[in-house]
Amino acid sequence: MEKKHNEGAYQRAQKKVKEIKGFYINLACYCIVIPVLIYINLRFTPEYHWFWYSTIAWGSGVLIHGLAAFGHLPYMSQNWEERKIREFMEEERNKKQGRNEKES
């Protein structure tokens, strides 16, 4: 039992590290690409600042990704996932019990 608990904890920690790593990769790409887009925009069409669309949209995505990776979004946390899994399992069990009672 202890070994299974440790394996589960290790897998959850490993998943969390991958989520955080994914966020940092996303952030690094944002920090590289957005200045390039700003340069292209201001160099070729300075009269229209279209780079704001990319900056705001992708920036919002990076923000949400960071909040989720660091556990600040309650609907994307490990606890939320576990509660939902238990809820669905309970619903399934209740359905089976209801079918069994009707058959009896």
N, C-alpha and C. Protein backbone atom coordinates (compact mmCIF):
# COMPACT_ATOMS: atom_id res chain seq x y z
N MET A 1 0.82 -1.19 0.00
CA MET A 1 0.00 0.00 0.00
C MET A 1 0.86 1.25 0.00
N GLU A 2 1.90 1.26 0.83
CA GLU A 2 2.80 2.41 0.92
C GLU A 2 3.48 2.67 -0.42
N LYS A 3 3.85 1.59 -1.10
CA LYS A 3 4.54 1.74 -2.39
C LYS A 3 3.61 2.37 -3.42
N LYS A 4 2.35 1.95 -3.45
CA LYS A 4 1.39 2.53 -4.38
C LYS A 4 1.18 4.01 -4.08
N HIS A 5 1.11 4.36 -2.80
CA HIS A 5 0.94 5.76 -2.42
C HIS A 5 2.14 6.58 -2.89
N ASN A 6 3.35 6.06 -2.70
CA ASN A 6 4.56 6.77 -3.14
C ASN A 6 4.59 6.91 -4.66
N GLU A 7 4.18 5.86 -5.38
CA GLU A 7 4.16 5.93 -6.84
C GLU A 7 3.14 6.96 -7.32
N GLY A 8 1.99 6.99 -6.66
CA GLY A 8 0.98 7.99 -7.02
C GLY A 8 1.46 9.40 -6.75
N ALA A 9 2.11 9.59 -5.62
CA ALA A 9 2.64 10.91 -5.28
C ALA A 9 3.72 11.32 -6.27
N TYR A 10 4.56 10.37 -6.65
CA TYR A 10 5.63 10.65 -7.62
C TYR A 10 5.03 11.03 -8.97
N GLN A 11 4.01 10.29 -9.40
CA GLN A 11 3.38 10.59 -10.69
C GLN A 11 2.70 11.96 -10.67
N ARG A 12 2.05 12.31 -9.57
CA ARG A 12 1.43 13.64 -9.47
C ARG A 12 2.49 14.73 -9.49
N ALA A 13 3.59 14.52 -8.79
CA ALA A 13 4.68 15.51 -8.78
C ALA A 13 5.29 15.63 -10.17
N GLN A 14 5.45 14.51 -10.84
CA GLN A 14 6.01 14.52 -12.19
C GLN A 14 5.08 15.27 -13.15
N LYS A 15 3.78 15.06 -13.01
CA LYS A 15 2.80 15.76 -13.84
C LYS A 15 2.87 17.27 -13.57
N LYS A 16 2.99 17.65 -12.32
CA LYS A 16 3.06 19.06 -11.94
C LYS A 16 4.31 19.71 -12.53
N VAL A 17 5.44 19.01 -12.48
CA VAL A 17 6.69 19.54 -13.05
C VAL A 17 6.54 19.73 -14.55
N LYS A 18 5.89 18.80 -15.23
CA LYS A 18 5.67 18.94 -16.68
C LYS A 18 4.77 20.13 -16.99
N GLU A 19 3.76 20.36 -16.17
CA GLU A 19 2.88 21.51 -16.36
C GLU A 19 3.65 22.82 -16.20
N ILE A 20 4.48 22.89 -15.18
CA ILE A 20 5.27 24.11 -14.94
C ILE A 20 6.29 24.30 -16.06
N LYS A 21 6.92 23.23 -16.48
CA LYS A 21 7.89 23.32 -17.58
C LYS A 21 7.18 23.80 -18.86
N GLY A 22 6.00 23.29 -19.12
CA GLY A 22 5.23 23.73 -20.29
C GLY A 22 4.91 25.21 -20.22
N PHE A 23 4.59 25.68 -19.02
CA PHE A 23 4.32 27.12 -18.85
C PHE A 23 5.56 27.93 -19.17
N TYR A 24 6.72 27.53 -18.66
CA TYR A 24 7.95 28.29 -18.91
C TYR A 24 8.32 28.29 -20.39
N ILE A 25 8.08 27.19 -21.07
CA ILE A 25 8.33 27.14 -22.52
C ILE A 25 7.39 28.10 -23.24
N ASN A 26 6.13 28.09 -22.86
CA ASN A 26 5.14 29.00 -23.44
C ASN A 26 5.55 30.46 -23.19
N LEU A 27 5.96 30.77 -21.98
CA LEU A 27 6.37 32.12 -21.62
C LEU A 27 7.61 32.54 -22.42
N ALA A 28 8.58 31.65 -22.56
CA ALA A 28 9.79 31.97 -23.33
C ALA A 28 9.46 32.25 -24.79
N CYS A 29 8.57 31.43 -25.37
CA CYS A 29 8.17 31.66 -26.76
C CYS A 29 7.46 33.00 -26.90
N TYR A 30 6.62 33.32 -25.95
CA TYR A 30 5.91 34.61 -25.95
C TYR A 30 6.92 35.75 -25.92
N CYS A 31 7.90 35.65 -25.04
CA CYS A 31 8.89 36.72 -24.90
C CYS A 31 9.80 36.86 -26.12
N ILE A 32 9.90 35.83 -26.92
CA ILE A 32 10.70 35.90 -28.14
C ILE A 32 9.86 36.36 -29.33
N VAL A 33 8.68 35.80 -29.49
CA VAL A 33 7.86 36.05 -30.68
C VAL A 33 7.20 37.43 -30.66
N ILE A 34 6.68 37.86 -29.53
CA ILE A 34 5.96 39.13 -29.48
C ILE A 34 6.85 40.31 -29.90
N PRO A 35 8.08 40.42 -29.40
CA PRO A 35 8.93 41.51 -29.90
C PRO A 35 9.19 41.44 -31.41
N VAL A 36 9.30 40.24 -31.94
CA VAL A 36 9.47 40.09 -33.39
C VAL A 36 8.23 40.59 -34.12
N LEU A 37 7.06 40.24 -33.62
CA LEU A 37 5.82 40.72 -34.24
C LEU A 37 5.71 42.25 -34.14
N ILE A 38 6.10 42.80 -33.02
CA ILE A 38 6.08 44.26 -32.86
C ILE A 38 7.01 44.91 -33.88
N TYR A 39 8.20 44.36 -34.02
CA TYR A 39 9.16 44.89 -35.00
C TYR A 39 8.58 44.84 -36.41
N ILE A 40 8.05 43.68 -36.78
CA ILE A 40 7.47 43.53 -38.13
C ILE A 40 6.35 44.52 -38.34
N ASN A 41 5.47 44.63 -37.36
CA ASN A 41 4.35 45.55 -37.47
C ASN A 41 4.83 47.00 -37.65
N LEU A 42 5.71 47.44 -36.77
CA LEU A 42 6.15 48.83 -36.81
C LEU A 42 7.05 49.13 -38.01
N ARG A 43 7.72 48.12 -38.51
CA ARG A 43 8.60 48.30 -39.67
C ARG A 43 7.80 48.41 -40.97
N PHE A 44 6.77 47.57 -41.13
CA PHE A 44 6.09 47.48 -42.42
C PHE A 44 4.72 48.16 -42.45
N THR A 45 4.03 48.21 -41.33
CA THR A 45 2.73 48.90 -41.30
C THR A 45 2.60 49.70 -40.01
N PRO A 46 3.42 50.75 -39.87
CA PRO A 46 3.41 51.52 -38.61
C PRO A 46 2.12 52.28 -38.37
N GLU A 47 1.32 52.49 -39.41
CA GLU A 47 0.08 53.24 -39.23
C GLU A 47 -1.02 52.43 -38.54
N TYR A 48 -0.88 51.11 -38.53
CA TYR A 48 -1.89 50.25 -37.89
C TYR A 48 -1.20 49.29 -36.93
N HIS A 49 -1.47 49.38 -35.67
CA HIS A 49 -0.81 48.55 -34.66
C HIS A 49 -1.60 47.26 -34.41
N TRP A 50 -1.42 46.32 -35.31
CA TRP A 50 -2.12 45.04 -35.17
C TRP A 50 -1.44 44.11 -34.17
N PHE A 51 -0.22 44.39 -33.77
CA PHE A 51 0.49 43.50 -32.84
C PHE A 51 -0.22 43.39 -31.49
N TRP A 52 -1.07 44.38 -31.15
CA TRP A 52 -1.78 44.32 -29.87
C TRP A 52 -2.69 43.11 -29.77
N TYR A 53 -3.27 42.70 -30.88
CA TYR A 53 -4.17 41.53 -30.87
C TYR A 53 -3.42 40.28 -30.41
N SER A 54 -2.26 40.07 -31.01
CA SER A 54 -1.45 38.91 -30.63
C SER A 54 -0.94 39.02 -29.21
N THR A 55 -0.49 40.22 -28.85
CA THR A 55 0.06 40.43 -27.51
C THR A 55 -0.98 40.15 -26.43
N ILE A 56 -2.17 40.68 -26.62
CA ILE A 56 -3.22 40.51 -25.60
C ILE A 56 -3.76 39.08 -25.59
N ALA A 57 -4.03 38.52 -26.77
CA ALA A 57 -4.60 37.18 -26.83
C ALA A 57 -3.63 36.14 -26.28
N TRP A 58 -2.42 36.13 -26.79
CA TRP A 58 -1.43 35.16 -26.33
C TRP A 58 -1.05 35.43 -24.88
N GLY A 59 -0.96 36.70 -24.51
CA GLY A 59 -0.65 37.04 -23.12
C GLY A 59 -1.70 36.54 -22.15
N SER A 60 -2.96 36.62 -22.56
CA SER A 60 -4.04 36.08 -21.72
C SER A 60 -3.88 34.57 -21.57
N GLY A 61 -3.53 33.91 -22.66
CA GLY A 61 -3.30 32.46 -22.61
C GLY A 61 -2.14 32.10 -21.70
N VAL A 62 -1.07 32.87 -21.78
CA VAL A 62 0.09 32.64 -20.91
C VAL A 62 -0.30 32.84 -19.45
N LEU A 63 -1.07 33.88 -19.18
CA LEU A 63 -1.52 34.14 -17.81
C LEU A 63 -2.35 32.97 -17.26
N ILE A 64 -3.31 32.51 -18.03
CA ILE A 64 -4.15 31.39 -17.60
C ILE A 64 -3.31 30.13 -17.44
N HIS A 65 -2.39 29.90 -18.36
CA HIS A 65 -1.50 28.74 -18.28
C HIS A 65 -0.68 28.79 -16.98
N GLY A 66 -0.16 29.96 -16.66
CA GLY A 66 0.63 30.11 -15.43
C GLY A 66 -0.20 29.89 -14.19
N LEU A 67 -1.40 30.47 -14.17
CA LEU A 67 -2.28 30.27 -13.01
C LEU A 67 -2.62 28.80 -12.83
N ALA A 68 -2.88 28.11 -13.93
CA ALA A 68 -3.20 26.69 -13.85
C ALA A 68 -1.98 25.87 -13.41
N ALA A 69 -0.82 26.18 -13.97
CA ALA A 69 0.39 25.42 -13.65
C ALA A 69 0.79 25.55 -12.19
N PHE A 70 0.56 26.73 -11.62
CA PHE A 70 0.96 26.96 -10.24
C PHE A 70 -0.18 26.79 -9.25
N GLY A 71 -1.32 26.26 -9.72
CA GLY A 71 -2.41 25.88 -8.84
C GLY A 71 -3.27 27.01 -8.32
N HIS A 72 -3.42 28.08 -9.10
CA HIS A 72 -4.24 29.20 -8.65
C HIS A 72 -5.60 29.25 -9.34
N LEU A 73 -5.92 28.24 -10.13
CA LEU A 73 -7.25 28.14 -10.73
C LEU A 73 -7.94 26.93 -10.11
N PRO A 74 -8.95 27.15 -9.29
CA PRO A 74 -9.56 26.05 -8.54
C PRO A 74 -10.14 24.95 -9.42
N TYR A 75 -10.66 25.28 -10.59
CA TYR A 75 -11.26 24.25 -11.44
C TYR A 75 -10.22 23.46 -12.22
N MET A 76 -8.95 23.82 -12.11
CA MET A 76 -7.92 23.08 -12.81
C MET A 76 -6.92 22.44 -11.84
N SER A 77 -7.27 22.38 -10.58
CA SER A 77 -6.35 21.83 -9.59
C SER A 77 -6.50 20.31 -9.50
N GLN A 78 -5.52 19.70 -8.88
CA GLN A 78 -5.54 18.25 -8.67
C GLN A 78 -6.73 17.86 -7.80
N ASN A 79 -7.04 18.66 -6.78
CA ASN A 79 -8.17 18.36 -5.91
C ASN A 79 -9.48 18.37 -6.68
N TRP A 80 -9.62 19.32 -7.58
CA TRP A 80 -10.83 19.40 -8.38
C TRP A 80 -10.97 18.15 -9.24
N GLU A 81 -9.87 17.72 -9.86
CA GLU A 81 -9.90 16.51 -10.69
C GLU A 81 -10.31 15.30 -9.86
N GLU A 82 -9.71 15.16 -8.70
CA GLU A 82 -10.02 14.01 -7.85
C GLU A 82 -11.47 14.04 -7.38
N ARG A 83 -11.99 15.23 -7.01
CA ARG A 83 -13.39 15.34 -6.60
C ARG A 83 -14.33 14.97 -7.73
N LYS A 84 -14.02 15.42 -8.94
CA LYS A 84 -14.86 15.10 -10.09
C LYS A 84 -14.83 13.61 -10.40
N ILE A 85 -13.68 13.00 -10.33
CA ILE A 85 -13.56 11.56 -10.58
C ILE A 85 -14.40 10.80 -9.56
N ARG A 86 -14.28 11.18 -8.28
CA ARG A 86 -15.09 10.51 -7.25
C ARG A 86 -16.58 10.73 -7.49
N GLU A 87 -16.93 11.94 -7.91
CA GLU A 87 -18.34 12.25 -8.18
C GLU A 87 -18.88 11.37 -9.31
N PHE A 88 -18.12 11.25 -10.39
CA PHE A 88 -18.56 10.42 -11.52
C PHE A 88 -18.62 8.94 -11.14
N MET A 89 -17.66 8.50 -10.33
CA MET A 89 -17.67 7.10 -9.89
C MET A 89 -18.89 6.84 -9.02
N GLU A 90 -19.22 7.79 -8.15
CA GLU A 90 -20.40 7.65 -7.28
C GLU A 90 -21.68 7.62 -8.12
N GLU A 91 -21.76 8.48 -9.13
CA GLU A 91 -22.92 8.48 -10.01
C GLU A 91 -23.07 7.13 -10.71
N GLU A 92 -21.96 6.60 -11.21
CA GLU A 92 -21.98 5.31 -11.90
C GLU A 92 -22.42 4.19 -10.95
N ARG A 93 -21.90 4.22 -9.73
CA ARG A 93 -22.27 3.22 -8.73
C ARG A 93 -23.77 3.30 -8.41
N ASN A 94 -24.27 4.53 -8.27
CA ASN A 94 -25.70 4.72 -7.99
C ASN A 94 -26.58 4.22 -9.14
N LYS A 95 -26.13 4.44 -10.37
CA LYS A 95 -26.88 3.95 -11.53
C LYS A 95 -26.94 2.43 -11.53
N LYS A 96 -25.80 1.80 -11.25
CA LYS A 96 -25.76 0.34 -11.22
C LYS A 96 -26.64 -0.21 -10.10
N GLN A 97 -26.60 0.44 -8.94
CA GLN A 97 -27.43 -0.01 -7.82
C GLN A 97 -28.91 0.16 -8.16
N GLY A 98 -29.24 1.25 -8.84
CA GLY A 98 -30.62 1.49 -9.25
C GLY A 98 -31.10 0.43 -10.22
N ARG A 99 -30.23 0.04 -11.16
CA ARG A 99 -30.59 -1.01 -12.13
C ARG A 99 -30.77 -2.35 -11.42
N ASN A 100 -29.86 -2.64 -10.48
CA ASN A 100 -29.94 -3.91 -9.75
C ASN A 100 -31.21 -3.99 -8.92
N GLU A 101 -31.60 -2.86 -8.31
CA GLU A 101 -32.82 -2.85 -7.50
C GLU A 101 -34.07 -3.02 -8.37
N LYS A 102 -34.06 -2.46 -9.56
CA LYS A 102 -35.21 -2.59 -10.47
C LYS A 102 -35.34 -4.03 -10.97
N GLU A 103 -34.18 -4.69 -11.19
CA GLU A 103 -34.19 -6.07 -11.68
C GLU A 103 -34.67 -7.04 -10.60
N SER A 104 -34.48 -6.69 -9.36
CA SER A 104 -34.83 -7.60 -8.25
C SER A 104 -36.31 -7.62 -7.99
